[in-house]
Amino acid sequence: MKVISVQNIKKRFDQKEALSDVSFTIPKGEIFGFLGPSGSGKTTLIKILTAQLQQTGGEAMVLGAPAIDMQAVKQKKRFGILTDNSGLYERLTIEENLEVFRQLYELPKSSVDKVLEFVNLKEDRKKRVNQLSKGMRQRVTLACAIIHEPELLFLDEPTSALDPVNTAHIYKGLRYLNERGTTIFLTTHDMTEAETLCNRVAILHKGVIQAIGVPKELKKQHRDGVLHVELKDGQVHELLMNEESGKQITHWLTMNQLDSIKTSEPSLGDIFMKLTGSEL
């Protein structure tokens, strides 16, 4: 089942084209990473997929319906969203904010405790939102987005303000949600996060997808074909992957001289910089 299908999407703001002919599909149960520099069009696409914006051209289908239908009440209950402009009630406590969403989604009272555990805020439930750090606010916003365990979850830079301990905690929770059937659409600048969480990634630059695929396969596609060979006497050799190199390596093996062989495989960050020309 296709949870998201995007075909030839374009979005123009006055004279600026934010998205240009973007196409991809996301099957049920996938964690899909949408990567790109600031201003590349990532958030614009999320807004189209959640009916906050309408595309200039192309077709976007979400959960089997046109994306523009995502503002209907029955559809809103099927997805969750975390973005920079996700609103919280400043004068209410963490618990009171979650209670609003619990009642909105007609959930049992136990769902508040469950989601507080998920975002590691159980001990802080009585704190008012206007007293929270940026990282804590981000975790509350995430809790509001996932309290109903949605079929589809949109996350726009979900861990950008979090410390490593809480980031690891959120990763564990997102994997749990995904294992229970939630499809996740994730934008991030963090290449380690993308590799840790995502089944597939797309790299967006200036409104155009430059590459799409499984991180491991993208690394294979972009490696330079050089083998780094170290011998037991400390000598290091760089060899091209060809038949001649194979013969040389076989010789070293036969003579018991070979210590290690490594490929010069790029990181996802290397590929990102190569395709976008942008620093992480």
C-alpha atoms as a PDB file:
ATOM      1  CA  MET A   1       0.000   0.000   0.000  1.00  0.00           C
ATOM      2  CA  LYS A   2       1.278   3.473  -0.922  1.00  0.00           C
ATOM      3  CA  VAL A   3       0.897   5.832   2.026  1.00  0.00           C
ATOM      4  CA  ILE A   4       2.316   8.804   0.088  1.00  0.00           C
ATOM      5  CA  SER A   5       2.499   9.207  -3.684  1.00  0.00           C
ATOM      6  CA  VAL A   6       4.019  12.389  -5.128  1.00  0.00           C
ATOM      7  CA  GLN A   7       4.034  12.829  -8.895  1.00  0.00           C
ATOM      8  CA  ASN A   8       5.654  15.801 -10.681  1.00  0.00           C
ATOM      9  CA  ILE A   9       4.982  18.208  -7.816  1.00  0.00           C
ATOM     10  CA  LYS A  10       5.836  21.850  -8.445  1.00  0.00           C
ATOM     11  CA  LYS A  11       5.458  24.826  -6.115  1.00  0.00           C
ATOM     12  CA  ARG A  12       6.134  28.439  -7.067  1.00  0.00           C
ATOM     13  CA  PHE A  13       6.090  31.507  -4.815  1.00  0.00           C
ATOM     14  CA  ASP A  14       5.892  34.579  -7.072  1.00  0.00           C
ATOM     15  CA  GLN A  15       9.053  34.289  -9.198  1.00  0.00           C
ATOM     16  CA  LYS A  16      10.767  31.625  -7.044  1.00  0.00           C
ATOM     17  CA  GLU A  17      10.297  27.916  -7.744  1.00  0.00           C
ATOM     18  CA  ALA A  18      10.526  26.105  -4.397  1.00  0.00           C
ATOM     19  CA  LEU A  19       9.836  22.625  -5.830  1.00  0.00           C
ATOM     20  CA  SER A  20      10.450  21.502  -9.381  1.00  0.00           C
ATOM     21  CA  ASP A  21       9.044  18.205 -10.692  1.00  0.00           C
ATOM     22  CA  VAL A  22       9.416  16.147  -7.478  1.00  0.00           C
ATOM     23  CA  SER A  23       8.247  12.507  -7.628  1.00  0.00           C
ATOM     24  CA  PHE A  24       8.468   9.556  -5.188  1.00  0.00           C
ATOM     25  CA  THR A  25       6.290   7.036  -3.347  1.00  0.00           C
ATOM     26  CA  ILE A  26       6.407   5.816   0.252  1.00  0.00           C
ATOM     27  CA  PRO A  27       4.959   2.383   1.104  1.00  0.00           C
ATOM     28  CA  LYS A  28       3.266   1.594   4.398  1.00  0.00           C
ATOM     29  CA  GLY A  29       5.701   0.988   7.260  1.00  0.00           C
ATOM     30  CA  GLU A  30       8.691   2.821   5.819  1.00  0.00           C
ATOM     31  CA  ILE A  31      10.780   5.498   7.531  1.00  0.00           C
ATOM     32  CA  PHE A  32      11.589   7.862   4.671  1.00  0.00           C
ATOM     33  CA  GLY A  33      14.224  10.573   5.057  1.00  0.00           C
ATOM     34  CA  PHE A  34      13.883  13.793   3.064  1.00  0.00           C
ATOM     35  CA  LEU A  35      17.277  15.487   3.220  1.00  0.00           C
ATOM     36  CA  GLY A  36      18.400  18.864   1.974  1.00  0.00           C
ATOM     37  CA  PRO A  37      20.025  22.184   2.896  1.00  0.00           C
ATOM     38  CA  SER A  38      17.960  24.989   4.426  1.00  0.00           C
ATOM     39  CA  GLY A  39      15.725  26.517   1.781  1.00  0.00           C
ATOM     40  CA  SER A  40      15.785  23.451  -0.470  1.00  0.00           C
ATOM     41  CA  GLY A  41      12.005  22.899  -0.255  1.00  0.00           C
ATOM     42  CA  LYS A  42      11.683  20.228   2.471  1.00  0.00           C
ATOM     43  CA  THR A  43       9.208  22.087   4.694  1.00  0.00           C
ATOM     44  CA  THR A  44       7.271  23.319   1.657  1.00  0.00           C
ATOM     45  CA  LEU A  45       6.609  19.714   0.648  1.00  0.00           C
ATOM     46  CA  ILE A  46       5.439  18.779   4.164  1.00  0.00           C
ATOM     47  CA  LYS A  47       3.005  21.709   4.035  1.00  0.00           C
ATOM     48  CA  ILE A  48       1.655  20.469   0.692  1.00  0.00           C
ATOM     49  CA  LEU A  49       1.273  16.906   1.990  1.00  0.00           C
ATOM     50  CA  THR A  50      -0.620  18.165   5.076  1.00  0.00           C
ATOM     51  CA  ALA A  51      -2.850  20.621   3.128  1.00  0.00           C
ATOM     52  CA  GLN A  52      -1.277  23.761   4.584  1.00  0.00           C
ATOM     53  CA  LEU A  53      -0.233  24.738   1.042  1.00  0.00           C
ATOM     54  CA  GLN A  54      -1.481  23.744  -2.405  1.00  0.00           C
ATOM     55  CA  GLN A  55       0.956  22.739  -5.119  1.00  0.00           C
ATOM     56  CA  THR A  56       1.319  24.758  -8.314  1.00  0.00           C
ATOM     57  CA  GLY A  57       1.407  21.573 -10.402  1.00  0.00           C
ATOM     58  CA  GLY A  58       1.492  17.791 -10.128  1.00  0.00           C
ATOM     59  CA  GLU A  59      -0.389  15.375  -7.900  1.00  0.00           C
ATOM     60  CA  ALA A  60       0.058  14.451  -4.224  1.00  0.00           C
ATOM     61  CA  MET A  61      -1.864  11.569  -2.622  1.00  0.00           C
ATOM     62  CA  VAL A  62      -1.725  10.888   1.119  1.00  0.00           C
ATOM     63  CA  LEU A  63      -3.371   7.897   2.827  1.00  0.00           C
ATOM     64  CA  GLY A  64      -5.308   7.151  -0.341  1.00  0.00           C
ATOM     65  CA  ALA A  65      -6.787  10.638  -0.795  1.00  0.00           C
ATOM     66  CA  PRO A  66      -5.659  13.898  -2.440  1.00  0.00           C
ATOM     67  CA  ALA A  67      -3.325  15.797  -0.089  1.00  0.00           C
ATOM     68  CA  ILE A  68      -5.725  18.758  -0.032  1.00  0.00           C
ATOM     69  CA  ASP A  69      -8.176  16.533   1.895  1.00  0.00           C
ATOM     70  CA  MET A  70      -5.785  16.182   4.848  1.00  0.00           C
ATOM     71  CA  GLN A  71      -7.468  19.089   6.655  1.00  0.00           C
ATOM     72  CA  ALA A  72     -10.707  17.094   6.960  1.00  0.00           C
ATOM     73  CA  VAL A  73     -11.335  15.983  10.562  1.00  0.00           C
ATOM     74  CA  LYS A  74     -11.404  12.266   9.719  1.00  0.00           C
ATOM     75  CA  GLN A  75      -8.031  12.569   7.965  1.00  0.00           C
ATOM     76  CA  LYS A  76      -6.415  14.703  10.696  1.00  0.00           C
ATOM     77  CA  LYS A  77      -6.946  11.835  13.128  1.00  0.00           C
ATOM     78  CA  ARG A  78      -4.860   9.579  10.878  1.00  0.00           C
ATOM     79  CA  PHE A  79      -1.611  11.571  10.886  1.00  0.00           C
ATOM     80  CA  GLY A  80       0.635  13.533  13.242  1.00  0.00           C
ATOM     81  CA  ILE A  81       2.983  16.409  12.506  1.00  0.00           C
ATOM     82  CA  LEU A  82       5.923  18.114  14.191  1.00  0.00           C
ATOM     83  CA  THR A  83       7.231  21.319  12.614  1.00  0.00           C
ATOM     84  CA  ASP A  84       8.809  24.563  13.855  1.00  0.00           C
ATOM     85  CA  ASN A  85       5.395  26.210  13.956  1.00  0.00           C
ATOM     86  CA  SER A  86       3.579  23.406  15.800  1.00  0.00           C
ATOM     87  CA  GLY A  87       1.619  25.311  18.448  1.00  0.00           C
ATOM     88  CA  LEU A  88       1.513  24.713  22.200  1.00  0.00           C
ATOM     89  CA  TYR A  89      -0.572  26.443  24.869  1.00  0.00           C
ATOM     90  CA  GLU A  90       2.083  28.509  26.634  1.00  0.00           C
ATOM     91  CA  ARG A  91       0.305  28.999  29.970  1.00  0.00           C
ATOM     92  CA  LEU A  92      -0.729  25.382  30.359  1.00  0.00           C
ATOM     93  CA  THR A  93       1.424  22.633  31.802  1.00  0.00           C
ATOM     94  CA  ILE A  94       2.888  19.813  29.723  1.00  0.00           C
ATOM     95  CA  GLU A  95       0.197  17.494  31.069  1.00  0.00           C
ATOM     96  CA  GLU A  96      -2.604  19.982  30.343  1.00  0.00           C
ATOM     97  CA  ASN A  97      -1.413  20.431  26.751  1.00  0.00           C
ATOM     98  CA  LEU A  98      -1.480  16.673  26.248  1.00  0.00           C
ATOM     99  CA  GLU A  99      -4.897  16.451  27.856  1.00  0.00           C
ATOM    100  CA  VAL A 100      -6.241  18.785  25.144  1.00  0.00           C
ATOM    101  CA  PHE A 101      -4.995  16.388  22.459  1.00  0.00           C
ATOM    102  CA  ARG A 102      -6.188  13.325  24.397  1.00  0.00           C
ATOM    103  CA  GLN A 103      -9.729  14.675  24.439  1.00  0.00           C
ATOM    104  CA  LEU A 104      -9.520  15.821  20.815  1.00  0.00           C
ATOM    105  CA  TYR A 105      -8.662  12.287  19.717  1.00  0.00           C
ATOM    106  CA  GLU A 106     -11.031  10.682  22.280  1.00  0.00           C
ATOM    107  CA  LEU A 107      -8.240   8.609  23.820  1.00  0.00           C
ATOM    108  CA  PRO A 108      -8.095   6.833  27.200  1.00  0.00           C
ATOM    109  CA  LYS A 109      -6.470   8.734  30.087  1.00  0.00           C
ATOM    110  CA  SER A 110      -3.591   6.255  30.120  1.00  0.00           C
ATOM    111  CA  SER A 111      -2.401   7.649  26.757  1.00  0.00           C
ATOM    112  CA  VAL A 112      -0.980  10.764  28.484  1.00  0.00           C
ATOM    113  CA  ASP A 113       1.250   8.691  30.786  1.00  0.00           C
ATOM    114  CA  LYS A 114       2.313   6.518  27.880  1.00  0.00           C
ATOM    115  CA  VAL A 115       3.394   9.419  25.658  1.00  0.00           C
ATOM    116  CA  LEU A 116       5.156  11.227  28.544  1.00  0.00           C
ATOM    117  CA  GLU A 117       7.238   8.085  28.995  1.00  0.00           C
ATOM    118  CA  PHE A 118       7.907   8.047  25.243  1.00  0.00           C
ATOM    119  CA  VAL A 119       9.444  11.573  25.269  1.00  0.00           C
ATOM    120  CA  ASN A 120      11.117  11.232  28.701  1.00  0.00           C
ATOM    121  CA  LEU A 121       9.040  13.963  30.408  1.00  0.00           C
ATOM    122  CA  LYS A 122       7.123  12.041  33.065  1.00  0.00           C
ATOM    123  CA  GLU A 123       8.870  13.868  35.921  1.00  0.00           C
ATOM    124  CA  ASP A 124       8.220  17.287  34.339  1.00  0.00           C
ATOM    125  CA  ARG A 125       4.510  16.922  33.583  1.00  0.00           C
ATOM    126  CA  LYS A 126       3.457  19.796  35.907  1.00  0.00           C
ATOM    127  CA  LYS A 127       5.818  22.377  34.366  1.00  0.00           C
ATOM    128  CA  ARG A 128       4.280  25.193  32.325  1.00  0.00           C
ATOM    129  CA  VAL A 129       5.270  25.320  28.662  1.00  0.00           C
ATOM    130  CA  ASN A 130       6.465  28.953  28.940  1.00  0.00           C
ATOM    131  CA  GLN A 131       9.098  27.792  31.455  1.00  0.00           C
ATOM    132  CA  LEU A 132      10.586  25.078  29.266  1.00  0.00           C
ATOM    133  CA  SER A 133      13.870  24.956  27.373  1.00  0.00           C
ATOM    134  CA  LYS A 134      13.789  24.660  23.592  1.00  0.00           C
ATOM    135  CA  GLY A 135      14.641  20.961  23.777  1.00  0.00           C
ATOM    136  CA  MET A 136      11.847  20.235  26.268  1.00  0.00           C
ATOM    137  CA  ARG A 137       9.345  22.183  24.169  1.00  0.00           C
ATOM    138  CA  GLN A 138      10.346  20.108  21.163  1.00  0.00           C
ATOM    139  CA  ARG A 139       9.675  16.913  23.092  1.00  0.00           C
ATOM    140  CA  VAL A 140       6.242  18.187  24.168  1.00  0.00           C
ATOM    141  CA  THR A 141       5.400  19.042  20.569  1.00  0.00           C
ATOM    142  CA  LEU A 142       6.463  15.561  19.509  1.00  0.00           C
ATOM    143  CA  ALA A 143       4.289  14.064  22.255  1.00  0.00           C
ATOM    144  CA  CYS A 144       1.282  15.990  20.917  1.00  0.00           C
ATOM    145  CA  ALA A 145       2.002  14.685  17.421  1.00  0.00           C
ATOM    146  CA  ILE A 146       2.180  11.016  18.422  1.00  0.00           C
ATOM    147  CA  ILE A 147      -0.249  10.696  21.342  1.00  0.00           C
ATOM    148  CA  HIS A 148      -2.816   9.015  19.049  1.00  0.00           C
ATOM    149  CA  GLU A 149      -0.242   6.646  17.462  1.00  0.00           C
ATOM    150  CA  PRO A 150      -1.027   7.896  13.938  1.00  0.00           C
ATOM    151  CA  GLU A 151      -0.839   5.880  10.731  1.00  0.00           C
ATOM    152  CA  LEU A 152       1.479   8.528   9.290  1.00  0.00           C
ATOM    153  CA  LEU A 153       3.893  10.840  11.097  1.00  0.00           C
ATOM    154  CA  PHE A 154       5.571  13.934   9.617  1.00  0.00           C
ATOM    155  CA  LEU A 155       8.702  15.018  11.487  1.00  0.00           C
ATOM    156  CA  ASP A 156      10.495  18.227  10.464  1.00  0.00           C
ATOM    157  CA  GLU A 157      13.944  18.250  12.163  1.00  0.00           C
ATOM    158  CA  PRO A 158      12.614  16.304  15.204  1.00  0.00           C
ATOM    159  CA  THR A 159      15.811  16.188  17.278  1.00  0.00           C
ATOM    160  CA  SER A 160      17.508  19.462  16.290  1.00  0.00           C
ATOM    161  CA  ALA A 161      17.343  20.885  19.832  1.00  0.00           C
ATOM    162  CA  LEU A 162      17.880  17.676  21.803  1.00  0.00           C
ATOM    163  CA  ASP A 163      20.904  16.406  23.691  1.00  0.00           C
ATOM    164  CA  PRO A 164      22.360  12.962  22.823  1.00  0.00           C
ATOM    165  CA  VAL A 165      20.576  11.165  25.699  1.00  0.00           C
ATOM    166  CA  ASN A 166      17.108  12.408  24.740  1.00  0.00           C
ATOM    167  CA  THR A 167      17.867  11.952  21.038  1.00  0.00           C
ATOM    168  CA  ALA A 168      18.621   8.261  21.666  1.00  0.00           C
ATOM    169  CA  HIS A 169      15.416   7.993  23.728  1.00  0.00           C
ATOM    170  CA  ILE A 170      13.352   9.499  20.885  1.00  0.00           C
ATOM    171  CA  TYR A 171      14.992   7.196  18.320  1.00  0.00           C
ATOM    172  CA  LYS A 172      13.987   4.189  20.394  1.00  0.00           C
ATOM    173  CA  GLY A 173      10.420   5.473  20.619  1.00  0.00           C
ATOM    174  CA  LEU A 174      10.166   6.193  16.895  1.00  0.00           C
ATOM    175  CA  ARG A 175      11.360   2.680  16.074  1.00  0.00           C
ATOM    176  CA  TYR A 176       8.705   1.311  18.447  1.00  0.00           C
ATOM    177  CA  LEU A 177       6.001   3.380  16.713  1.00  0.00           C
ATOM    178  CA  ASN A 178       7.260   2.251  13.314  1.00  0.00           C
ATOM    179  CA  GLU A 179       7.238  -1.411  14.374  1.00  0.00           C
ATOM    180  CA  ARG A 180       3.570  -0.942  15.342  1.00  0.00           C
ATOM    181  CA  GLY A 181       2.772   0.250  11.813  1.00  0.00           C
ATOM    182  CA  THR A 182       3.351   4.021  11.719  1.00  0.00           C
ATOM    183  CA  THR A 183       4.877   5.273   8.476  1.00  0.00           C
ATOM    184  CA  ILE A 184       7.321   8.145   9.111  1.00  0.00           C
ATOM    185  CA  PHE A 185       8.267  11.016   6.790  1.00  0.00           C
ATOM    186  CA  LEU A 186      11.353  12.663   8.274  1.00  0.00           C
ATOM    187  CA  THR A 187      13.278  15.777   7.268  1.00  0.00           C
ATOM    188  CA  THR A 188      16.687  16.299   8.823  1.00  0.00           C
ATOM    189  CA  HIS A 189      20.100  17.912   8.374  1.00  0.00           C
ATOM    190  CA  ASP A 190      21.635  15.172  10.519  1.00  0.00           C
ATOM    191  CA  MET A 191      23.113  12.492   8.284  1.00  0.00           C
ATOM    192  CA  THR A 192      23.773  10.186  11.248  1.00  0.00           C
ATOM    193  CA  GLU A 193      20.092  10.453  12.149  1.00  0.00           C
ATOM    194  CA  ALA A 194      19.114   9.608   8.576  1.00  0.00           C
ATOM    195  CA  GLU A 195      21.367   6.544   8.527  1.00  0.00           C
ATOM    196  CA  THR A 196      20.199   5.436  11.969  1.00  0.00           C
ATOM    197  CA  LEU A 197      16.464   5.692  11.321  1.00  0.00           C
ATOM    198  CA  CYS A 198      15.666   5.667   7.605  1.00  0.00           C
ATOM    199  CA  ASN A 199      14.931   2.763   5.278  1.00  0.00           C
ATOM    200  CA  ARG A 200      15.363   5.090   2.283  1.00  0.00           C
ATOM    201  CA  VAL A 201      16.387   8.702   1.789  1.00  0.00           C
ATOM    202  CA  ALA A 202      15.935  11.348  -0.890  1.00  0.00           C
ATOM    203  CA  ILE A 203      18.396  14.233  -1.223  1.00  0.00           C
ATOM    204  CA  LEU A 204      16.745  17.486  -2.313  1.00  0.00           C
ATOM    205  CA  HIS A 205      18.613  20.494  -3.698  1.00  0.00           C
ATOM    206  CA  LYS A 206      17.066  23.653  -5.131  1.00  0.00           C
ATOM    207  CA  GLY A 207      13.684  21.966  -5.385  1.00  0.00           C
ATOM    208  CA  VAL A 208      14.937  18.911  -7.297  1.00  0.00           C
ATOM    209  CA  ILE A 209      15.609  15.375  -5.996  1.00  0.00           C
ATOM    210  CA  GLN A 210      19.272  14.633  -6.715  1.00  0.00           C
ATOM    211  CA  ALA A 211      19.315  11.043  -5.421  1.00  0.00           C
ATOM    212  CA  ILE A 212      16.943   8.569  -3.799  1.00  0.00           C
ATOM    213  CA  GLY A 213      17.528   5.114  -2.349  1.00  0.00           C
ATOM    214  CA  VAL A 214      18.670   2.952   0.555  1.00  0.00           C
ATOM    215  CA  PRO A 215      21.623   4.662   2.337  1.00  0.00           C
ATOM    216  CA  LYS A 216      23.815   1.563   1.960  1.00  0.00           C
ATOM    217  CA  GLU A 217      23.114   1.385  -1.791  1.00  0.00           C
ATOM    218  CA  LEU A 218      23.743   5.121  -2.285  1.00  0.00           C
ATOM    219  CA  LYS A 219      27.149   4.682  -0.647  1.00  0.00           C
ATOM    220  CA  LYS A 220      27.987   1.870  -3.068  1.00  0.00           C
ATOM    221  CA  GLN A 221      26.939   4.003  -6.045  1.00  0.00           C
ATOM    222  CA  HIS A 222      29.155   6.912  -4.999  1.00  0.00           C
ATOM    223  CA  ARG A 223      32.311   5.103  -3.890  1.00  0.00           C
ATOM    224  CA  ASP A 224      35.406   5.792  -5.984  1.00  0.00           C
ATOM    225  CA  GLY A 225      36.366   2.197  -6.748  1.00  0.00           C
ATOM    226  CA  VAL A 226      39.665   2.318  -4.832  1.00  0.00           C
ATOM    227  CA  LEU A 227      40.856  -0.413  -2.450  1.00  0.00           C
ATOM    228  CA  HIS A 228      43.082   0.525   0.490  1.00  0.00           C
ATOM    229  CA  VAL A 229      45.358  -2.416   1.219  1.00  0.00           C
ATOM    230  CA  GLU A 230      47.654  -2.642   4.238  1.00  0.00           C
ATOM    231  CA  LEU A 231      50.367  -5.303   4.477  1.00  0.00           C
ATOM    232  CA  LYS A 232      51.715  -6.839   7.656  1.00  0.00           C
ATOM    233  CA  ASP A 233      55.020  -4.975   7.268  1.00  0.00           C
ATOM    234  CA  GLY A 234      53.133  -1.629   7.372  1.00  0.00           C
ATOM    235  CA  GLN A 235      53.113  -0.868   3.651  1.00  0.00           C
ATOM    236  CA  VAL A 236      49.888   0.741   2.381  1.00  0.00           C
ATOM    237  CA  HIS A 237      48.719   0.447  -1.241  1.00  0.00           C
ATOM    238  CA  GLU A 238      45.795   2.032  -3.106  1.00  0.00           C
ATOM    239  CA  LEU A 239      44.494  -0.177  -5.908  1.00  0.00           C
ATOM    240  CA  LEU A 240      41.701   0.175  -8.438  1.00  0.00           C
ATOM    241  CA  MET A 241      39.045  -2.553  -8.358  1.00  0.00           C
ATOM    242  CA  ASN A 242      40.087  -4.566 -11.411  1.00  0.00           C
ATOM    243  CA  GLU A 243      41.476  -7.966 -12.429  1.00  0.00           C
ATOM    244  CA  GLU A 244      45.104  -6.900 -12.061  1.00  0.00           C
ATOM    245  CA  SER A 245      44.507  -5.775  -8.470  1.00  0.00           C
ATOM    246  CA  GLY A 246      42.782  -9.095  -7.757  1.00  0.00           C
ATOM    247  CA  LYS A 247      45.907 -10.965  -8.857  1.00  0.00           C
ATOM    248  CA  GLN A 248      48.114  -8.774  -6.665  1.00  0.00           C
ATOM    249  CA  ILE A 249      45.888  -9.284  -3.623  1.00  0.00           C
ATOM    250  CA  THR A 250      45.838 -13.048  -4.241  1.00  0.00           C
ATOM    251  CA  HIS A 251      49.647 -13.004  -4.286  1.00  0.00           C
ATOM    252  CA  TRP A 252      49.819 -11.170  -0.947  1.00  0.00           C
ATOM    253  CA  LEU A 253      47.316 -13.619   0.521  1.00  0.00           C
ATOM    254  CA  THR A 254      49.361 -16.589  -0.701  1.00  0.00           C
ATOM    255  CA  MET A 255      52.515 -15.104   0.833  1.00  0.00           C
ATOM    256  CA  ASN A 256      50.643 -14.395   4.104  1.00  0.00           C
ATOM    257  CA  GLN A 257      51.511 -10.695   3.774  1.00  0.00           C
ATOM    258  CA  LEU A 258      47.995  -9.204   3.786  1.00  0.00           C
ATOM    259  CA  ASP A 259      46.775  -7.423   6.922  1.00  0.00           C
ATOM    260  CA  SER A 260      43.585  -5.595   5.812  1.00  0.00           C
ATOM    261  CA  ILE A 261      41.542  -4.417   2.813  1.00  0.00           C
ATOM    262  CA  LYS A 262      39.146  -1.462   2.943  1.00  0.00           C
ATOM    263  CA  THR A 263      37.018   0.297   0.345  1.00  0.00           C
ATOM    264  CA  SER A 264      36.872   4.100   0.291  1.00  0.00           C
ATOM    265  CA  GLU A 265      33.093   4.186   0.765  1.00  0.00           C
ATOM    266  CA  PRO A 266      31.713   7.690   1.315  1.00  0.00           C
ATOM    267  CA  SER A 267      29.486   8.592   4.236  1.00  0.00           C
ATOM    268  CA  LEU A 268      25.945   9.821   3.626  1.00  0.00           C
ATOM    269  CA  GLY A 269      27.253  13.259   4.596  1.00  0.00           C
ATOM    270  CA  ASP A 270      29.913  13.063   1.873  1.00  0.00           C
ATOM    271  CA  ILE A 271      27.238  12.215  -0.699  1.00  0.00           C
ATOM    272  CA  PHE A 272      25.020  15.043   0.566  1.00  0.00           C
ATOM    273  CA  MET A 273      27.822  17.595   0.168  1.00  0.00           C
ATOM    274  CA  LYS A 274      28.798  16.234  -3.240  1.00  0.00           C
ATOM    275  CA  LEU A 275      25.249  16.527  -4.589  1.00  0.00           C
ATOM    276  CA  THR A 276      24.232  19.802  -2.960  1.00  0.00           C
ATOM    277  CA  GLY A 277      27.532  21.646  -2.616  1.00  0.00           C
ATOM    278  CA  SER A 278      26.412  22.493   0.926  1.00  0.00           C
ATOM    279  CA  GLU A 279      28.190  22.077   4.238  1.00  0.00           C
ATOM    280  CA  LEU A 280      26.288  20.146   6.893  1.00  0.00           C
END
